[in-house]
Amino acid sequence: MPIGDKIKEMRVRKGQSLQGVADAIGASKAHIWELESNRSKNPSLDLLQKLASHFGTTVAYLIEEPEGDLSRADQFYRRNSEKFAAMGDKDFDVLEQLLDMIAKREDGRGT
């Protein structure tokens, strides 16, 4: 999926306007529109970093062309990467325990 399509998809999913995104990252509305319509195909690294931060994703996600659809796990990680970055060691321990509990529950179902 082209970068502009990804930006538009995230903006629409979050219910934000072109102007709202532009104001949040310090760009012009016209520039965001050009990106979304894939007319501007070579945005600066600074702009990509601002967009990634604003949407809670990574620059790598914005610029990569994945082969096939992402797994649900990858989609979950990308949606929550900012939250993961803010987590401490105790939070990761709790998350890992939850994942272990879910995995054991799934194993008990025969899946």
N, C-alpha and C. Protein backbone atom coordinates (compact mmCIF):
# COMPACT_ATOMS: atom_id res chain seq x y z
N MET A 1 0.85 -1.18 0.00
CA MET A 1 0.00 0.00 0.00
C MET A 1 0.90 1.24 0.00
N PRO A 2 0.65 2.18 -0.88
CA PRO A 2 1.46 3.40 -0.93
C PRO A 2 1.35 4.21 0.37
N ILE A 3 2.39 4.97 0.65
CA ILE A 3 2.45 5.75 1.88
C ILE A 3 1.25 6.67 2.05
N GLY A 4 0.81 7.30 0.97
CA GLY A 4 -0.33 8.21 1.06
C GLY A 4 -1.60 7.50 1.48
N ASP A 5 -1.80 6.29 0.98
CA ASP A 5 -2.97 5.51 1.36
C ASP A 5 -2.92 5.15 2.84
N LYS A 6 -1.73 4.82 3.34
CA LYS A 6 -1.58 4.49 4.76
C LYS A 6 -1.90 5.70 5.63
N ILE A 7 -1.39 6.86 5.24
CA ILE A 7 -1.63 8.08 6.01
C ILE A 7 -3.12 8.39 6.04
N LYS A 8 -3.75 8.32 4.88
CA LYS A 8 -5.19 8.62 4.82
C LYS A 8 -5.99 7.62 5.64
N GLU A 9 -5.64 6.36 5.55
CA GLU A 9 -6.36 5.33 6.30
C GLU A 9 -6.26 5.59 7.81
N MET A 10 -5.07 5.92 8.29
CA MET A 10 -4.91 6.19 9.72
C MET A 10 -5.66 7.46 10.13
N ARG A 11 -5.61 8.48 9.29
CA ARG A 11 -6.29 9.74 9.60
C ARG A 11 -7.80 9.52 9.69
N VAL A 12 -8.36 8.82 8.71
CA VAL A 12 -9.80 8.56 8.68
C VAL A 12 -10.20 7.68 9.86
N ARG A 13 -9.40 6.65 10.13
CA ARG A 13 -9.70 5.74 11.24
C ARG A 13 -9.77 6.49 12.57
N LYS A 14 -8.92 7.52 12.72
CA LYS A 14 -8.90 8.31 13.95
C LYS A 14 -9.89 9.47 13.91
N GLY A 15 -10.59 9.61 12.80
CA GLY A 15 -11.59 10.66 12.69
C GLY A 15 -11.00 12.06 12.66
N GLN A 16 -9.84 12.21 12.06
CA GLN A 16 -9.16 13.50 12.01
C GLN A 16 -9.28 14.13 10.63
N SER A 17 -9.26 15.45 10.62
CA SER A 17 -9.31 16.18 9.35
C SER A 17 -7.89 16.38 8.83
N LEU A 18 -7.79 16.72 7.56
CA LEU A 18 -6.49 17.07 6.98
C LEU A 18 -5.86 18.21 7.78
N GLN A 19 -6.66 19.23 8.08
CA GLN A 19 -6.16 20.39 8.82
C GLN A 19 -5.70 19.99 10.23
N GLY A 20 -6.44 19.11 10.86
CA GLY A 20 -6.07 18.66 12.20
C GLY A 20 -4.72 17.96 12.22
N VAL A 21 -4.50 17.10 11.24
CA VAL A 21 -3.20 16.40 11.15
C VAL A 21 -2.10 17.41 10.84
N ALA A 22 -2.37 18.29 9.90
CA ALA A 22 -1.37 19.30 9.52
C ALA A 22 -0.98 20.15 10.71
N ASP A 23 -1.96 20.61 11.47
CA ASP A 23 -1.69 21.44 12.65
C ASP A 23 -0.89 20.66 13.69
N ALA A 24 -1.24 19.39 13.88
CA ALA A 24 -0.58 18.57 14.90
C ALA A 24 0.89 18.33 14.60
N ILE A 25 1.24 18.27 13.32
CA ILE A 25 2.64 17.95 12.98
C ILE A 25 3.41 19.14 12.42
N GLY A 26 2.74 20.28 12.30
CA GLY A 26 3.43 21.48 11.82
C GLY A 26 3.66 21.50 10.32
N ALA A 27 2.69 20.99 9.58
CA ALA A 27 2.78 20.98 8.11
C ALA A 27 1.56 21.71 7.56
N SER A 28 1.55 21.93 6.27
CA SER A 28 0.38 22.58 5.66
C SER A 28 -0.65 21.52 5.29
N LYS A 29 -1.90 21.95 5.27
CA LYS A 29 -2.99 21.07 4.86
C LYS A 29 -2.74 20.57 3.44
N ALA A 30 -2.26 21.47 2.58
CA ALA A 30 -1.99 21.09 1.19
C ALA A 30 -0.93 19.99 1.10
N HIS A 31 0.09 20.08 1.96
CA HIS A 31 1.15 19.08 1.93
C HIS A 31 0.61 17.71 2.35
N ILE A 32 -0.22 17.68 3.38
CA ILE A 32 -0.81 16.41 3.81
C ILE A 32 -1.70 15.85 2.71
N TRP A 33 -2.48 16.72 2.05
CA TRP A 33 -3.32 16.28 0.96
C TRP A 33 -2.48 15.70 -0.18
N GLU A 34 -1.35 16.36 -0.51
CA GLU A 34 -0.47 15.85 -1.57
C GLU A 34 0.08 14.48 -1.20
N LEU A 35 0.43 14.28 0.06
CA LEU A 35 0.92 12.98 0.51
C LEU A 35 -0.18 11.93 0.37
N GLU A 36 -1.36 12.25 0.86
CA GLU A 36 -2.47 11.29 0.82
C GLU A 36 -2.88 10.92 -0.59
N SER A 37 -2.77 11.86 -1.50
CA SER A 37 -3.16 11.57 -2.88
C SER A 37 -1.99 11.04 -3.70
N ASN A 38 -0.89 10.73 -3.01
CA ASN A 38 0.31 10.14 -3.60
C ASN A 38 0.92 11.03 -4.69
N ARG A 39 0.73 12.32 -4.58
CA ARG A 39 1.36 13.27 -5.50
C ARG A 39 2.76 13.63 -5.01
N SER A 40 2.95 13.60 -3.70
CA SER A 40 4.26 13.85 -3.10
C SER A 40 4.77 12.50 -2.63
N LYS A 41 5.76 11.96 -3.32
CA LYS A 41 6.19 10.58 -3.06
C LYS A 41 7.50 10.49 -2.30
N ASN A 42 8.08 11.63 -1.92
CA ASN A 42 9.36 11.58 -1.25
C ASN A 42 9.39 12.55 -0.06
N PRO A 43 8.57 12.28 0.97
CA PRO A 43 8.55 13.17 2.13
C PRO A 43 9.86 13.10 2.91
N SER A 44 10.16 14.15 3.63
CA SER A 44 11.40 14.19 4.41
C SER A 44 11.30 13.22 5.59
N LEU A 45 12.45 12.81 6.09
CA LEU A 45 12.50 11.93 7.26
C LEU A 45 11.84 12.62 8.44
N ASP A 46 12.07 13.92 8.59
CA ASP A 46 11.48 14.68 9.70
C ASP A 46 9.96 14.59 9.64
N LEU A 47 9.39 14.77 8.46
CA LEU A 47 7.94 14.70 8.31
C LEU A 47 7.43 13.30 8.60
N LEU A 48 8.14 12.29 8.11
CA LEU A 48 7.74 10.91 8.38
C LEU A 48 7.77 10.61 9.87
N GLN A 49 8.78 11.11 10.57
CA GLN A 49 8.87 10.89 12.02
C GLN A 49 7.70 11.56 12.74
N LYS A 50 7.35 12.76 12.32
CA LYS A 50 6.22 13.46 12.93
C LYS A 50 4.91 12.72 12.67
N LEU A 51 4.72 12.26 11.45
CA LEU A 51 3.50 11.51 11.13
C LEU A 51 3.43 10.21 11.92
N ALA A 52 4.54 9.48 11.97
CA ALA A 52 4.57 8.21 12.70
C ALA A 52 4.25 8.44 14.18
N SER A 53 4.85 9.45 14.76
CA SER A 53 4.58 9.76 16.16
C SER A 53 3.12 10.14 16.37
N HIS A 54 2.60 10.97 15.50
CA HIS A 54 1.22 11.43 15.62
C HIS A 54 0.23 10.26 15.55
N PHE A 55 0.48 9.32 14.65
CA PHE A 55 -0.43 8.20 14.47
C PHE A 55 -0.08 6.98 15.32
N GLY A 56 0.99 7.09 16.11
CA GLY A 56 1.35 5.97 16.98
C GLY A 56 1.84 4.76 16.23
N THR A 57 2.64 5.00 15.20
CA THR A 57 3.19 3.90 14.42
C THR A 57 4.68 4.17 14.21
N THR A 58 5.28 3.48 13.28
CA THR A 58 6.70 3.65 13.02
C THR A 58 6.92 4.18 11.60
N VAL A 59 8.08 4.79 11.41
CA VAL A 59 8.46 5.24 10.07
C VAL A 59 8.55 4.03 9.15
N ALA A 60 9.08 2.94 9.67
CA ALA A 60 9.21 1.71 8.86
C ALA A 60 7.85 1.28 8.31
N TYR A 61 6.81 1.35 9.13
CA TYR A 61 5.48 0.97 8.65
C TYR A 61 5.04 1.89 7.52
N LEU A 62 5.30 3.19 7.67
CA LEU A 62 4.86 4.14 6.65
C LEU A 62 5.53 3.89 5.30
N ILE A 63 6.79 3.51 5.31
CA ILE A 63 7.53 3.42 4.05
C ILE A 63 7.65 2.01 3.49
N GLU A 64 7.37 1.00 4.30
CA GLU A 64 7.55 -0.36 3.79
C GLU A 64 6.39 -0.78 2.90
N GLU A 65 6.69 -1.67 2.03
CA GLU A 65 5.69 -2.30 1.17
C GLU A 65 5.65 -3.77 1.57
N PRO A 66 4.80 -4.11 2.56
CA PRO A 66 4.78 -5.49 3.03
C PRO A 66 4.25 -6.44 1.97
N GLU A 67 4.74 -7.66 2.03
CA GLU A 67 4.25 -8.69 1.12
C GLU A 67 3.03 -9.33 1.77
N GLY A 68 1.92 -9.17 1.13
CA GLY A 68 0.69 -9.73 1.68
C GLY A 68 0.19 -8.93 2.86
N ASP A 69 -0.86 -9.40 3.46
CA ASP A 69 -1.44 -8.73 4.61
C ASP A 69 -0.62 -8.99 5.86
N LEU A 70 -0.63 -8.03 6.76
CA LEU A 70 0.05 -8.21 8.03
C LEU A 70 -0.77 -9.16 8.90
N SER A 71 -0.08 -9.88 9.76
CA SER A 71 -0.79 -10.74 10.70
C SER A 71 -1.54 -9.88 11.70
N ARG A 72 -2.49 -10.45 12.36
CA ARG A 72 -3.22 -9.70 13.40
C ARG A 72 -2.27 -9.26 14.50
N ALA A 73 -1.27 -10.08 14.80
CA ALA A 73 -0.30 -9.72 15.84
C ALA A 73 0.50 -8.48 15.43
N ASP A 74 0.92 -8.42 14.16
CA ASP A 74 1.66 -7.25 13.68
C ASP A 74 0.78 -6.00 13.68
N GLN A 75 -0.46 -6.16 13.28
CA GLN A 75 -1.38 -5.03 13.29
C GLN A 75 -1.59 -4.52 14.71
N PHE A 76 -1.75 -5.45 15.65
CA PHE A 76 -1.91 -5.09 17.06
C PHE A 76 -0.68 -4.35 17.57
N TYR A 77 0.49 -4.88 17.24
CA TYR A 77 1.72 -4.23 17.70
C TYR A 77 1.83 -2.81 17.15
N ARG A 78 1.56 -2.64 15.88
CA ARG A 78 1.67 -1.31 15.28
C ARG A 78 0.69 -0.32 15.88
N ARG A 79 -0.53 -0.78 16.15
CA ARG A 79 -1.52 0.11 16.77
C ARG A 79 -1.10 0.52 18.17
N ASN A 80 -0.36 -0.34 18.85
CA ASN A 80 -0.03 -0.11 20.25
C ASN A 80 1.45 0.15 20.51
N SER A 81 2.23 0.38 19.47
CA SER A 81 3.68 0.52 19.65
C SER A 81 4.04 1.67 20.58
N GLU A 82 3.29 2.75 20.53
CA GLU A 82 3.58 3.88 21.42
C GLU A 82 3.34 3.50 22.88
N LYS A 83 2.31 2.72 23.13
CA LYS A 83 2.03 2.26 24.50
C LYS A 83 3.13 1.32 24.97
N PHE A 84 3.58 0.44 24.08
CA PHE A 84 4.66 -0.48 24.46
C PHE A 84 5.92 0.28 24.81
N ALA A 85 6.21 1.32 24.04
CA ALA A 85 7.43 2.11 24.28
C ALA A 85 7.40 2.78 25.65
N ALA A 86 6.21 3.08 26.15
CA ALA A 86 6.08 3.76 27.45
C ALA A 86 6.04 2.79 28.63
N MET A 87 5.99 1.49 28.35
CA MET A 87 5.86 0.50 29.42
C MET A 87 7.18 0.28 30.14
N GLY A 88 7.07 -0.02 31.43
CA GLY A 88 8.23 -0.36 32.24
C GLY A 88 8.38 -1.87 32.34
N ASP A 89 9.43 -2.30 33.04
CA ASP A 89 9.71 -3.72 33.18
C ASP A 89 8.56 -4.48 33.84
N LYS A 90 7.96 -3.90 34.88
CA LYS A 90 6.85 -4.57 35.57
C LYS A 90 5.65 -4.73 34.63
N ASP A 91 5.41 -3.71 33.81
CA ASP A 91 4.32 -3.80 32.85
C ASP A 91 4.54 -4.94 31.86
N PHE A 92 5.78 -5.08 31.39
CA PHE A 92 6.08 -6.16 30.45
C PHE A 92 5.93 -7.53 31.12
N ASP A 93 6.29 -7.61 32.40
CA ASP A 93 6.11 -8.86 33.13
C ASP A 93 4.63 -9.24 33.20
N VAL A 94 3.78 -8.26 33.51
CA VAL A 94 2.34 -8.50 33.57
C VAL A 94 1.80 -8.90 32.20
N LEU A 95 2.22 -8.20 31.17
CA LEU A 95 1.77 -8.52 29.81
C LEU A 95 2.18 -9.93 29.42
N GLU A 96 3.41 -10.30 29.74
CA GLU A 96 3.87 -11.65 29.42
C GLU A 96 3.07 -12.71 30.17
N GLN A 97 2.74 -12.43 31.43
CA GLN A 97 1.91 -13.38 32.19
C GLN A 97 0.53 -13.54 31.55
N LEU A 98 -0.05 -12.42 31.11
CA LEU A 98 -1.34 -12.48 30.44
C LEU A 98 -1.27 -13.30 29.16
N LEU A 99 -0.22 -13.08 28.38
CA LEU A 99 -0.05 -13.84 27.14
C LEU A 99 0.12 -15.33 27.43
N ASP A 100 0.87 -15.66 28.49
CA ASP A 100 1.03 -17.06 28.88
C ASP A 100 -0.31 -17.68 29.26
N MET A 101 -1.13 -16.93 30.00
CA MET A 101 -2.45 -17.42 30.40
C MET A 101 -3.33 -17.67 29.18
N ILE A 102 -3.29 -16.77 28.24
CA ILE A 102 -4.10 -16.92 27.02
C ILE A 102 -3.62 -18.13 26.22
N ALA A 103 -2.31 -18.28 26.10
CA ALA A 103 -1.75 -19.41 25.35
C ALA A 103 -2.15 -20.74 26.00
N LYS A 104 -2.13 -20.82 27.33
CA LYS A 104 -2.53 -22.04 28.02
C LYS A 104 -4.01 -22.32 27.81
N ARG A 105 -4.82 -21.26 27.84
CA ARG A 105 -6.26 -21.42 27.62
C ARG A 105 -6.52 -21.94 26.21
N GLU A 106 -5.81 -21.39 25.23
CA GLU A 106 -5.98 -21.83 23.84
C GLU A 106 -5.51 -23.27 23.68
N ASP A 107 -4.42 -23.65 24.37
CA ASP A 107 -3.93 -25.02 24.27
C ASP A 107 -4.95 -25.99 24.84
N GLY A 108 -5.67 -25.59 25.88
CA GLY A 108 -6.68 -26.44 26.49
C GLY A 108 -7.89 -26.66 25.62
N ARG A 109 -8.10 -25.78 24.64
CA ARG A 109 -9.24 -25.92 23.73
C ARG A 109 -8.90 -26.80 22.54
N GLY A 110 -7.61 -27.15 22.42
CA GLY A 110 -7.22 -27.98 21.30
C GLY A 110 -6.97 -27.18 20.03
N THR A 111 -6.72 -25.87 20.19
CA THR A 111 -6.45 -25.05 19.01
C THR A 111 -4.99 -24.76 18.87
